[in-house]
PDB file of all heavy atoms in Angstrom:
ATOM      1  N   LEU A   1       0.833  -1.294   0.066  1.00  0.00           N
ATOM      2  CA  LEU A   1      -0.009  -0.003  -0.074  1.00  0.00           C
ATOM      3  C   LEU A   1       0.879   1.273   0.092  1.00  0.00           C
ATOM      4  O   LEU A   1       1.798   1.309   0.780  1.00  0.00           O
ATOM      5  CB  LEU A   1      -0.841  -0.015   1.214  1.00  0.00           C
ATOM      6  CG  LEU A   1      -1.904  -1.191   1.256  1.00  0.00           C
ATOM      7  CD1 LEU A   1      -2.652  -1.146   2.753  1.00  0.00           C
ATOM      8  CD2 LEU A   1      -2.899  -1.186   0.144  1.00  0.00           C
ATOM      9  N   HIS A   2       0.581   2.253  -0.901  1.00  0.00           N
ATOM     10  CA  HIS A   2       1.340   3.450  -0.921  1.00  0.00           C
ATOM     11  C   HIS A   2       0.962   4.347   0.348  1.00  0.00           C
ATOM     12  O   HIS A   2      -0.186   4.381   0.672  1.00  0.00           O
ATOM     13  CB  HIS A   2       1.009   4.202  -2.202  1.00  0.00           C
ATOM     14  CG  HIS A   2       1.865   5.295  -2.563  1.00  0.00           C
ATOM     15  ND1 HIS A   2       1.999   6.448  -1.859  1.00  0.00           N
ATOM     16  CD2 HIS A   2       2.889   5.406  -3.433  1.00  0.00           C
ATOM     17  CE1 HIS A   2       2.830   7.247  -2.347  1.00  0.00           C
ATOM     18  NE2 HIS A   2       3.575   6.563  -3.279  1.00  0.00           N
ATOM     19  N   PRO A   3       2.001   4.822   0.892  1.00  0.00           N
ATOM     20  CA  PRO A   3       1.822   5.655   2.168  1.00  0.00           C
ATOM     21  C   PRO A   3       0.837   6.909   2.026  1.00  0.00           C
ATOM     22  O   PRO A   3       0.283   7.295   3.040  1.00  0.00           O
ATOM     23  CB  PRO A   3       3.199   5.918   2.659  1.00  0.00           C
ATOM     24  CG  PRO A   3       4.055   5.782   1.550  1.00  0.00           C
ATOM     25  CD  PRO A   3       3.331   4.802   0.649  1.00  0.00           C
ATOM     26  N   GLU A   4       0.755   7.379   0.831  1.00  0.00           N
ATOM     27  CA  GLU A   4      -0.003   8.560   0.606  1.00  0.00           C
ATOM     28  C   GLU A   4      -1.494   8.370   0.190  1.00  0.00           C
ATOM     29  O   GLU A   4      -2.139   9.344   0.097  1.00  0.00           O
ATOM     30  CB  GLU A   4       0.742   9.528  -0.462  1.00  0.00           C
ATOM     31  CG  GLU A   4       1.981  10.003  -0.085  1.00  0.00           C
ATOM     32  CD  GLU A   4       2.718  10.886  -1.100  1.00  0.00           C
ATOM     33  OE1 GLU A   4       2.645  10.629  -2.291  1.00  0.00           O
ATOM     34  OE2 GLU A   4       3.209  11.951  -0.723  1.00  0.00           O
ATOM     35  N   ARG A   5      -1.803   7.131   0.054  1.00  0.00           N
ATOM     36  CA  ARG A   5      -3.235   6.879  -0.284  1.00  0.00           C
ATOM     37  C   ARG A   5      -4.004   7.167   0.988  1.00  0.00           C
ATOM     38  O   ARG A   5      -3.619   7.029   2.164  1.00  0.00           O
ATOM     39  CB  ARG A   5      -3.458   5.400  -0.563  1.00  0.00           C
ATOM     40  CG  ARG A   5      -3.060   4.871  -2.003  1.00  0.00           C
ATOM     41  CD  ARG A   5      -3.515   3.621  -2.266  1.00  0.00           C
ATOM     42  NE  ARG A   5      -4.879   3.332  -2.091  1.00  0.00           N
ATOM     43  CZ  ARG A   5      -5.379   2.189  -2.228  1.00  0.00           C
ATOM     44  NH1 ARG A   5      -4.728   0.961  -2.384  1.00  0.00           N
ATOM     45  NH2 ARG A   5      -6.766   1.992  -1.975  1.00  0.00           N
ATOM     46  N   THR A   6      -5.158   7.731   0.696  1.00  0.00           N
ATOM     47  CA  THR A   6      -6.127   8.075   1.909  1.00  0.00           C
ATOM     48  C   THR A   6      -6.544   6.877   2.561  1.00  0.00           C
ATOM     49  O   THR A   6      -6.793   5.805   1.902  1.00  0.00           O
ATOM     50  CB  THR A   6      -7.221   8.936   1.419  1.00  0.00           C
ATOM     51  OG1 THR A   6      -8.121   8.160   0.521  1.00  0.00           O
ATOM     52  CG2 THR A   6      -6.769  10.299   0.767  1.00  0.00           C
ATOM     53  N   ALA A   7      -6.778   7.014   3.901  1.00  0.00           N
ATOM     54  CA  ALA A   7      -7.286   5.668   4.603  1.00  0.00           C
ATOM     55  C   ALA A   7      -8.599   5.311   3.973  1.00  0.00           C
ATOM     56  O   ALA A   7      -8.898   4.071   3.828  1.00  0.00           O
ATOM     57  CB  ALA A   7      -7.401   6.036   6.062  1.00  0.00           C
ATOM     58  N   ALA A   8      -9.474   6.245   3.603  1.00  0.00           N
ATOM     59  CA  ALA A   8     -10.802   5.853   3.277  1.00  0.00           C
ATOM     60  C   ALA A   8     -10.713   5.143   1.837  1.00  0.00           C
ATOM     61  O   ALA A   8     -11.740   4.464   1.504  1.00  0.00           O
ATOM     62  CB  ALA A   8     -11.680   7.109   3.055  1.00  0.00           C
ATOM     63  N   SER A   9      -9.698   5.272   1.063  1.00  0.00           N
ATOM     64  CA  SER A   9      -9.681   4.731  -0.223  1.00  0.00           C
ATOM     65  C   SER A   9      -9.347   3.184  -0.250  1.00  0.00           C
ATOM     66  O   SER A   9      -9.520   2.567  -1.215  1.00  0.00           O
ATOM     67  CB  SER A   9      -8.489   5.399  -1.070  1.00  0.00           C
ATOM     68  OG  SER A   9      -7.264   5.066  -0.733  1.00  0.00           O
ATOM     69  N   LEU A  10      -8.914   2.749   0.900  1.00  0.00           N
ATOM     70  CA  LEU A  10      -8.594   1.203   1.092  1.00  0.00           C
ATOM     71  C   LEU A  10      -9.874   0.372   0.919  1.00  0.00           C
ATOM     72  O   LEU A  10     -10.887   0.686   1.613  1.00  0.00           O
ATOM     73  CB  LEU A  10      -7.773   1.096   2.268  1.00  0.00           C
ATOM     74  CG  LEU A  10      -6.263   1.103   2.216  1.00  0.00           C
ATOM     75  CD1 LEU A  10      -5.784   2.546   1.861  1.00  0.00           C
ATOM     76  CD2 LEU A  10      -5.735   0.674   3.527  1.00  0.00           C
ATOM     77  N   THR A  11      -9.711  -0.623   0.238  1.00  0.00           N
ATOM     78  CA  THR A  11     -10.867  -1.560   0.201  1.00  0.00           C
ATOM     79  C   THR A  11     -10.837  -2.444   1.398  1.00  0.00           C
ATOM     80  O   THR A  11      -9.774  -2.634   2.198  1.00  0.00           O
ATOM     81  CB  THR A  11     -10.723  -2.456  -1.024  1.00  0.00           C
ATOM     82  OG1 THR A  11      -9.619  -3.360  -0.857  1.00  0.00           O
ATOM     83  CG2 THR A  11     -10.707  -1.627  -2.350  1.00  0.00           C
ATOM     84  N   GLU A  12     -11.874  -3.199   1.560  1.00  0.00           N
ATOM     85  CA  GLU A  12     -11.935  -3.997   2.772  1.00  0.00           C
ATOM     86  C   GLU A  12     -10.868  -5.158   2.689  1.00  0.00           C
ATOM     87  O   GLU A  12     -10.264  -5.491   3.665  1.00  0.00           O
ATOM     88  CB  GLU A  12     -13.239  -4.760   2.789  1.00  0.00           C
ATOM     89  CG  GLU A  12     -13.507  -5.571   4.122  1.00  0.00           C
ATOM     90  CD  GLU A  12     -14.915  -5.983   4.287  1.00  0.00           C
ATOM     91  OE1 GLU A  12     -15.785  -5.744   3.425  1.00  0.00           O
ATOM     92  OE2 GLU A  12     -15.185  -6.565   5.318  1.00  0.00           O
ATOM     93  N   GLU A  13     -10.567  -5.673   1.370  1.00  0.00           N
ATOM     94  CA  GLU A  13      -9.666  -6.692   1.230  1.00  0.00           C
ATOM     95  C   GLU A  13      -8.285  -6.063   1.567  1.00  0.00           C
ATOM     96  O   GLU A  13      -7.361  -6.779   2.221  1.00  0.00           O
ATOM     97  CB  GLU A  13      -9.617  -7.065  -0.088  1.00  0.00           C
ATOM     98  CG  GLU A  13      -8.617  -8.178  -0.420  1.00  0.00           C
ATOM     99  CD  GLU A  13      -8.633  -8.579  -2.031  1.00  0.00           C
ATOM    100  OE1 GLU A  13      -9.545  -8.183  -2.742  1.00  0.00           O
ATOM    101  OE2 GLU A  13      -7.619  -9.366  -2.395  1.00  0.00           O
ATOM    102  N   GLU A  14      -7.956  -4.898   1.145  1.00  0.00           N
ATOM    103  CA  GLU A  14      -6.652  -4.178   1.502  1.00  0.00           C
ATOM    104  C   GLU A  14      -6.429  -4.034   2.968  1.00  0.00           C
ATOM    105  O   GLU A  14      -5.488  -4.207   3.473  1.00  0.00           O
ATOM    106  CB  GLU A  14      -6.557  -2.943   0.680  1.00  0.00           C
ATOM    107  CG  GLU A  14      -6.376  -3.028  -0.804  1.00  0.00           C
ATOM    108  CD  GLU A  14      -6.465  -1.624  -1.527  1.00  0.00           C
ATOM    109  OE1 GLU A  14      -7.171  -0.870  -1.120  1.00  0.00           O
ATOM    110  OE2 GLU A  14      -5.640  -1.597  -2.501  1.00  0.00           O
ATOM    111  N   VAL A  15      -7.508  -3.665   3.617  1.00  0.00           N
ATOM    112  CA  VAL A  15      -7.368  -3.405   5.065  1.00  0.00           C
ATOM    113  C   VAL A  15      -7.171  -4.769   5.813  1.00  0.00           C
ATOM    114  O   VAL A  15      -6.418  -4.796   6.738  1.00  0.00           O
ATOM    115  CB  VAL A  15      -8.737  -2.777   5.683  1.00  0.00           C
ATOM    116  CG1 VAL A  15      -8.673  -2.714   7.122  1.00  0.00           C
ATOM    117  CG2 VAL A  15      -8.856  -1.324   5.137  1.00  0.00           C
ATOM    118  N   VAL A  16      -7.933  -5.770   5.320  1.00  0.00           N
ATOM    119  CA  VAL A  16      -7.544  -7.169   5.994  1.00  0.00           C
ATOM    120  C   VAL A  16      -6.157  -7.443   5.859  1.00  0.00           C
ATOM    121  O   VAL A  16      -5.458  -7.994   6.816  1.00  0.00           O
ATOM    122  CB  VAL A  16      -8.460  -8.161   5.346  1.00  0.00           C
ATOM    123  CG1 VAL A  16      -8.001  -9.597   5.773  1.00  0.00           C
ATOM    124  CG2 VAL A  16      -9.935  -7.964   5.704  1.00  0.00           C
ATOM    125  N   ARG A  17      -5.571  -7.237   4.688  1.00  0.00           N
ATOM    126  CA  ARG A  17      -4.084  -7.515   4.405  1.00  0.00           C
ATOM    127  C   ARG A  17      -3.214  -6.638   5.306  1.00  0.00           C
ATOM    128  O   ARG A  17      -2.210  -7.075   5.869  1.00  0.00           O
ATOM    129  CB  ARG A  17      -3.726  -7.244   2.981  1.00  0.00           C
ATOM    130  CG  ARG A  17      -2.361  -7.710   2.540  1.00  0.00           C
ATOM    131  CD  ARG A  17      -2.293  -7.848   1.005  1.00  0.00           C
ATOM    132  NE  ARG A  17      -2.245  -6.529   0.327  1.00  0.00           N
ATOM    133  CZ  ARG A  17      -3.184  -6.036  -0.535  1.00  0.00           C
ATOM    134  NH1 ARG A  17      -4.072  -6.765  -0.774  1.00  0.00           N
ATOM    135  NH2 ARG A  17      -3.085  -4.880  -1.005  1.00  0.00           N
ATOM    136  N   LEU A  18      -3.584  -5.282   5.352  1.00  0.00           N
ATOM    137  CA  LEU A  18      -2.841  -4.355   6.183  1.00  0.00           C
ATOM    138  C   LEU A  18      -2.837  -4.914   7.705  1.00  0.00           C
ATOM    139  O   LEU A  18      -1.832  -4.852   8.401  1.00  0.00           O
ATOM    140  CB  LEU A  18      -3.407  -2.981   5.999  1.00  0.00           C
ATOM    141  CG  LEU A  18      -2.678  -1.946   6.978  1.00  0.00           C
ATOM    142  CD1 LEU A  18      -1.201  -1.840   6.656  1.00  0.00           C
ATOM    143  CD2 LEU A  18      -3.429  -0.599   6.789  1.00  0.00           C
ATOM    144  N   HIS A  19      -4.048  -5.266   8.197  1.00  0.00           N
ATOM    145  CA  HIS A  19      -4.227  -5.650   9.561  1.00  0.00           C
ATOM    146  C   HIS A  19      -3.278  -6.784   9.800  1.00  0.00           C
ATOM    147  O   HIS A  19      -2.544  -6.784  10.875  1.00  0.00           O
ATOM    148  CB  HIS A  19      -5.590  -6.100   9.751  1.00  0.00           C
ATOM    149  CG  HIS A  19      -5.933  -6.814  11.100  1.00  0.00           C
ATOM    150  ND1 HIS A  19      -5.968  -8.222  11.209  1.00  0.00           N
ATOM    151  CD2 HIS A  19      -6.186  -6.246  12.355  1.00  0.00           C
ATOM    152  CE1 HIS A  19      -6.238  -8.523  12.466  1.00  0.00           C
ATOM    153  NE2 HIS A  19      -6.289  -7.355  13.140  1.00  0.00           N
ATOM    154  N   LYS A  20      -3.216  -7.849   8.915  1.00  0.00           N
ATOM    155  CA  LYS A  20      -2.316  -8.918   9.133  1.00  0.00           C
ATOM    156  C   LYS A  20      -0.866  -8.559   9.160  1.00  0.00           C
ATOM    157  O   LYS A  20      -0.012  -8.964  10.022  1.00  0.00           O
ATOM    158  CB  LYS A  20      -2.517 -10.108   7.978  1.00  0.00           C
ATOM    159  CG  LYS A  20      -1.711 -11.096   8.016  1.00  0.00           C
ATOM    160  CD  LYS A  20      -1.917 -12.069   6.827  1.00  0.00           C
ATOM    161  CE  LYS A  20      -1.513 -11.424   5.474  1.00  0.00           C
ATOM    162  NZ  LYS A  20       0.055 -11.313   5.392  1.00  0.00           N
ATOM    163  N   ASP A  21      -0.537  -7.549   8.237  1.00  0.00           N
ATOM    164  CA  ASP A  21       0.863  -7.188   8.073  1.00  0.00           C
ATOM    165  C   ASP A  21       1.329  -6.302   9.245  1.00  0.00           C
ATOM    166  O   ASP A  21       2.526  -6.358   9.660  1.00  0.00           O
ATOM    167  CB  ASP A  21       1.148  -6.602   6.850  1.00  0.00           C
ATOM    168  CG  ASP A  21       1.096  -7.541   5.523  1.00  0.00           C
ATOM    169  OD1 ASP A  21       1.640  -8.633   5.828  1.00  0.00           O
ATOM    170  OD2 ASP A  21       0.496  -7.306   4.615  1.00  0.00           O
ATOM    171  N   ILE A  22       0.443  -5.579   9.827  1.00  0.00           N
ATOM    172  CA  ILE A  22       0.836  -4.789  10.965  1.00  0.00           C
ATOM    173  C   ILE A  22       1.115  -5.697  12.055  1.00  0.00           C
ATOM    174  O   ILE A  22       2.238  -5.586  12.885  1.00  0.00           O
ATOM    175  CB  ILE A  22      -0.345  -3.829  11.474  1.00  0.00           C
ATOM    176  CG1 ILE A  22      -0.538  -2.702  10.495  1.00  0.00           C
ATOM    177  CG2 ILE A  22      -0.141  -3.342  12.883  1.00  0.00           C
ATOM    178  CD1 ILE A  22      -1.767  -1.913  10.821  1.00  0.00           C
ATOM    179  N   ILE A  23       0.290  -6.758  12.418  1.00  0.00           N
ATOM    180  CA  ILE A  23       0.599  -7.674  13.490  1.00  0.00           C
ATOM    181  C   ILE A  23       1.883  -8.378  13.227  1.00  0.00           C
ATOM    182  O   ILE A  23       2.763  -8.597  14.186  1.00  0.00           O
ATOM    183  CB  ILE A  23      -0.700  -8.614  13.638  1.00  0.00           C
ATOM    184  CG1 ILE A  23      -1.862  -7.889  14.029  1.00  0.00           C
ATOM    185  CG2 ILE A  23      -0.334  -9.736  14.586  1.00  0.00           C
ATOM    186  CD1 ILE A  23      -3.186  -8.662  14.013  1.00  0.00           C
ATOM    187  N   GLU A  24       2.084  -8.948  12.072  1.00  0.00           N
ATOM    188  CA  GLU A  24       3.267  -9.749  11.709  1.00  0.00           C
ATOM    189  C   GLU A  24       4.564  -8.915  11.814  1.00  0.00           C
ATOM    190  O   GLU A  24       5.534  -9.365  12.317  1.00  0.00           O
ATOM    191  CB  GLU A  24       3.174 -10.463  10.266  1.00  0.00           C
ATOM    192  CG  GLU A  24       2.074 -11.437  10.248  1.00  0.00           C
ATOM    193  CD  GLU A  24       2.048 -12.093   8.961  1.00  0.00           C
ATOM    194  OE1 GLU A  24       2.749 -11.728   7.976  1.00  0.00           O
ATOM    195  OE2 GLU A  24       1.204 -13.085   8.696  1.00  0.00           O
ATOM    196  N   THR A  25       4.483  -7.671  11.369  1.00  0.00           N
ATOM    197  CA  THR A  25       5.567  -6.746  11.441  1.00  0.00           C
ATOM    198  C   THR A  25       5.938  -6.540  12.956  1.00  0.00           C
ATOM    199  O   THR A  25       7.245  -6.700  13.342  1.00  0.00           O
ATOM    200  CB  THR A  25       5.329  -5.471  10.804  1.00  0.00           C
ATOM    201  OG1 THR A  25       5.086  -5.703   9.347  1.00  0.00           O
ATOM    202  CG2 THR A  25       6.514  -4.529  10.904  1.00  0.00           C
ATOM    203  N   LEU A  26       4.939  -6.234  13.728  1.00  0.00           N
ATOM    204  CA  LEU A  26       5.335  -5.961  15.203  1.00  0.00           C
ATOM    205  C   LEU A  26       5.758  -7.291  15.885  1.00  0.00           C
ATOM    206  O   LEU A  26       6.727  -7.163  16.640  1.00  0.00           O
ATOM    207  CB  LEU A  26       4.171  -5.418  15.797  1.00  0.00           C
ATOM    208  CG  LEU A  26       3.542  -4.106  15.411  1.00  0.00           C
ATOM    209  CD1 LEU A  26       2.241  -3.675  15.990  1.00  0.00           C
ATOM    210  CD2 LEU A  26       4.681  -2.950  15.669  1.00  0.00           C
ATOM    211  N   ARG A  27       5.243  -8.342  15.633  1.00  0.00           N
ATOM    212  CA  ARG A  27       5.652  -9.525  16.276  1.00  0.00           C
ATOM    213  C   ARG A  27       7.045  -9.968  15.826  1.00  0.00           C
ATOM    214  O   ARG A  27       7.854 -10.437  16.715  1.00  0.00           O
ATOM    215  CB  ARG A  27       4.679 -10.831  15.936  1.00  0.00           C
ATOM    216  CG  ARG A  27       3.299 -10.634  16.632  1.00  0.00           C
ATOM    217  CD  ARG A  27       2.311 -11.815  16.366  1.00  0.00           C
ATOM    218  NE  ARG A  27       1.136 -11.755  17.114  1.00  0.00           N
ATOM    219  CZ  ARG A  27       0.118 -12.504  16.966  1.00  0.00           C
ATOM    220  NH1 ARG A  27       0.048 -13.163  15.799  1.00  0.00           N
ATOM    221  NH2 ARG A  27      -0.927 -12.290  17.764  1.00  0.00           N
ATOM    222  N   ASP A  28       7.366  -9.848  14.634  1.00  0.00           N
ATOM    223  CA  ASP A  28       8.769 -10.106  14.113  1.00  0.00           C
ATOM    224  C   ASP A  28       9.745  -9.165  14.910  1.00  0.00           C
ATOM    225  O   ASP A  28      10.834  -9.678  15.307  1.00  0.00           O
ATOM    226  CB  ASP A  28       8.807  -9.992  12.588  1.00  0.00           C
ATOM    227  CG  ASP A  28       8.099 -11.054  11.870  1.00  0.00           C
ATOM    228  OD1 ASP A  28       7.751 -12.117  12.467  1.00  0.00           O
ATOM    229  OD2 ASP A  28       7.909 -10.852  10.654  1.00  0.00           O
ATOM    230  N   ALA A  29       9.362  -7.941  14.951  1.00  0.00           N
ATOM    231  CA  ALA A  29      10.276  -6.968  15.591  1.00  0.00           C
ATOM    232  C   ALA A  29      10.433  -7.211  17.104  1.00  0.00           C
ATOM    233  O   ALA A  29      11.557  -7.147  17.659  1.00  0.00           O
ATOM    234  CB  ALA A  29       9.747  -5.510  15.449  1.00  0.00           C
ATOM    235  N   VAL A  30       9.303  -7.642  17.758  1.00  0.00           N
ATOM    236  CA  VAL A  30       9.442  -7.926  19.140  1.00  0.00           C
ATOM    237  C   VAL A  30      10.323  -9.141  19.475  1.00  0.00           C
ATOM    238  O   VAL A  30      11.185  -9.243  20.299  1.00  0.00           O
ATOM    239  CB  VAL A  30       8.030  -8.283  19.782  1.00  0.00           C
ATOM    240  CG1 VAL A  30       8.262  -8.871  21.137  1.00  0.00           C
ATOM    241  CG2 VAL A  30       7.266  -6.942  19.891  1.00  0.00           C
ATOM    242  N   GLU A  31      10.292 -10.144  18.451  1.00  0.00           N
ATOM    243  CA  GLU A  31      11.158 -11.291  18.572  1.00  0.00           C
ATOM    244  C   GLU A  31      12.609 -11.065  18.362  1.00  0.00           C
ATOM    245  O   GLU A  31      13.426 -11.655  19.067  1.00  0.00           O
ATOM    246  CB  GLU A  31      10.618 -12.404  17.522  1.00  0.00           C
ATOM    247  CG  GLU A  31       9.330 -13.136  17.740  1.00  0.00           C
ATOM    248  CD  GLU A  31       8.965 -14.069  16.655  1.00  0.00           C
ATOM    249  OE1 GLU A  31       9.826 -14.225  15.792  1.00  0.00           O
ATOM    250  OE2 GLU A  31       7.822 -14.546  16.779  1.00  0.00           O
ATOM    251  N   GLN A  32      12.881 -10.000  17.587  1.00  0.00           N
ATOM    252  CA  GLN A  32      14.231  -9.527  17.350  1.00  0.00           C
ATOM    253  C   GLN A  32      14.756  -8.517  18.314  1.00  0.00           C
ATOM    254  O   GLN A  32      15.857  -8.091  18.192  1.00  0.00           O
ATOM    255  CB  GLN A  32      14.328  -9.008  15.935  1.00  0.00           C
ATOM    256  CG  GLN A  32      14.135 -10.157  14.819  1.00  0.00           C
ATOM    257  CD  GLN A  32      15.192 -11.218  14.868  1.00  0.00           C
ATOM    258  OE1 GLN A  32      16.337 -10.910  15.038  1.00  0.00           O
ATOM    259  NE2 GLN A  32      14.687 -12.418  14.800  1.00  0.00           N
ATOM    260  N   GLY A  33      13.923  -8.209  19.324  1.00  0.00           N
ATOM    261  CA  GLY A  33      14.285  -7.145  20.364  1.00  0.00           C
ATOM    262  C   GLY A  33      14.254  -5.764  19.923  1.00  0.00           C
ATOM    263  O   GLY A  33      14.895  -4.924  20.444  1.00  0.00           O
ATOM    264  N   GLY A  34      13.436  -5.511  18.856  1.00  0.00           N
ATOM    265  CA  GLY A  34      13.266  -4.093  18.305  1.00  0.00           C
ATOM    266  C   GLY A  34      14.287  -3.701  17.281  1.00  0.00           C
ATOM    267  O   GLY A  34      15.174  -4.580  16.984  1.00  0.00           O
ATOM    268  N   SER A  35      14.531  -2.564  17.063  1.00  0.00           N
ATOM    269  CA  SER A  35      15.417  -2.004  16.057  1.00  0.00           C
ATOM    270  C   SER A  35      16.266  -0.896  16.692  1.00  0.00           C
ATOM    271  O   SER A  35      15.840   0.130  17.194  1.00  0.00           O
ATOM    272  CB  SER A  35      14.576  -1.403  14.829  1.00  0.00           C
ATOM    273  OG  SER A  35      13.793  -2.382  14.178  1.00  0.00           O
TER     274      SER A  35
END
C-alpha cells in the first residue's frame, strides 16, 4: 500500500491484508528485540 493513499480509499480486502501485516511486522520486531 502506498503511504500517501487516503485511509478511506482502502478496500476491505486491502485493510484485511494491512491488519495482518501490522501484526506480523510488530511480532517479528518484538522477537528480534526491536530496531
